Amino acid sequence: MKKDLHPSNYRPVAFKDMSNEEVFISRSTINAKETIEIDGVTYPLVKLEITSSSHPFYTGKQKLVDTAGRVDKFMSRYGNRNKK
């Protein structure tokens, strides 16, 4: 096997779903600027907009995720086209 092929800095990292505030811990090499304390242990924190715990495909619930006003922007541009 080749040496130094895989990263050696795997460590536990906390991932937080910002839509439902769920936190899970997994091993990763991702760099994080923030930290979080869970059960007295400090982990690097990575914030995510959507995960399997909040995605409609996995939850079975339709939910509109509009973080940048995309729907309002679309409606202001194209919403009144057929009302002439």
Protein backbone atom coordinates (compact mmCIF):
# COMPACT_ATOMS: atom_id res chain seq x y z
CA MET A 1 0.00 0.00 0.00
CA LYS A 2 1.10 3.56 -0.62
CA LYS A 3 2.25 5.55 2.38
CA ASP A 4 0.71 8.95 3.23
CA LEU A 5 -2.22 8.35 0.90
CA HIS A 6 -4.98 9.13 3.42
CA PRO A 7 -5.16 12.17 5.71
CA SER A 8 -3.95 11.54 9.23
CA ASN A 9 -5.95 14.27 10.99
CA TYR A 10 -9.28 12.44 11.41
CA ARG A 11 -11.00 13.58 14.59
CA PRO A 12 -14.55 13.76 16.00
CA VAL A 13 -16.44 16.78 14.65
CA ALA A 14 -19.93 18.02 15.61
CA PHE A 15 -22.29 18.82 12.72
CA LYS A 16 -25.34 21.00 13.48
CA ASP A 17 -28.43 21.17 11.29
CA MET A 18 -29.52 24.82 11.44
CA SER A 19 -33.13 24.13 10.38
CA ASN A 20 -34.00 21.83 13.30
CA GLU A 21 -31.03 22.36 15.69
CA GLU A 22 -30.07 18.66 15.67
CA VAL A 23 -26.40 17.92 16.41
CA PHE A 24 -24.55 14.74 15.49
CA ILE A 25 -20.92 13.76 15.87
CA SER A 26 -18.87 12.06 13.18
CA ARG A 27 -15.21 11.70 12.33
CA SER A 28 -13.93 14.15 9.73
CA THR A 29 -10.92 16.15 8.53
CA ILE A 30 -12.93 19.34 7.87
CA ASN A 31 -11.59 22.60 9.28
CA ALA A 32 -14.00 24.44 11.59
CA LYS A 33 -13.83 27.93 13.05
CA GLU A 34 -16.33 27.36 15.87
CA THR A 35 -16.50 24.86 18.71
CA ILE A 36 -19.30 23.36 20.77
CA GLU A 37 -19.30 21.55 24.10
CA ILE A 38 -21.30 18.33 24.31
CA ASP A 39 -21.28 16.27 27.52
CA GLY A 40 -18.18 18.08 28.76
CA VAL A 41 -16.17 17.45 25.58
CA THR A 42 -15.33 20.28 23.16
CA TYR A 43 -15.73 19.49 19.46
CA PRO A 44 -15.13 21.57 16.31
CA LEU A 45 -18.55 22.72 15.02
CA VAL A 46 -19.70 22.70 11.38
CA LYS A 47 -23.09 24.30 10.66
CA LEU A 48 -25.20 22.83 7.86
CA GLU A 49 -28.35 24.20 6.24
CA ILE A 50 -29.92 20.80 5.58
CA THR A 51 -29.13 17.22 6.58
CA SER A 52 -30.91 13.87 6.40
CA SER A 53 -32.82 14.78 9.58
CA SER A 54 -34.47 17.78 7.89
CA HIS A 55 -34.47 16.93 4.15
CA PRO A 56 -37.99 16.28 2.78
CA PHE A 57 -36.89 13.11 1.00
CA TYR A 58 -35.85 11.47 4.28
CA THR A 59 -38.51 12.95 6.57
CA GLY A 60 -41.50 12.57 4.24
CA LYS A 61 -42.61 16.13 5.03
CA GLN A 62 -42.62 18.94 2.50
CA LYS A 63 -40.95 22.02 3.89
CA LEU A 64 -40.05 25.23 2.11
CA VAL A 65 -36.44 26.23 2.76
CA ASP A 66 -36.05 29.81 1.61
CA THR A 67 -32.94 31.32 3.16
CA ALA A 68 -32.25 33.99 0.55
CA GLY A 69 -35.75 35.15 -0.49
CA ARG A 70 -35.65 33.16 -3.72
CA VAL A 71 -39.41 32.59 -3.87
CA ASP A 72 -40.20 36.29 -3.34
CA LYS A 73 -37.65 37.27 -5.95
CA PHE A 74 -39.17 34.82 -8.46
CA MET A 75 -42.71 36.02 -7.76
CA SER A 76 -41.75 39.67 -8.19
CA ARG A 77 -40.18 38.90 -11.58
CA TYR A 78 -42.54 36.32 -13.05
CA GLY A 79 -45.61 36.14 -10.80
CA ASN A 80 -47.85 38.58 -12.68
CA ARG A 81 -47.20 37.45 -16.27
CA ASN A 82 -50.54 35.73 -16.84
CA LYS A 83 -52.72 38.38 -15.16
CA LYS A 84 -52.91 40.78 -18.15
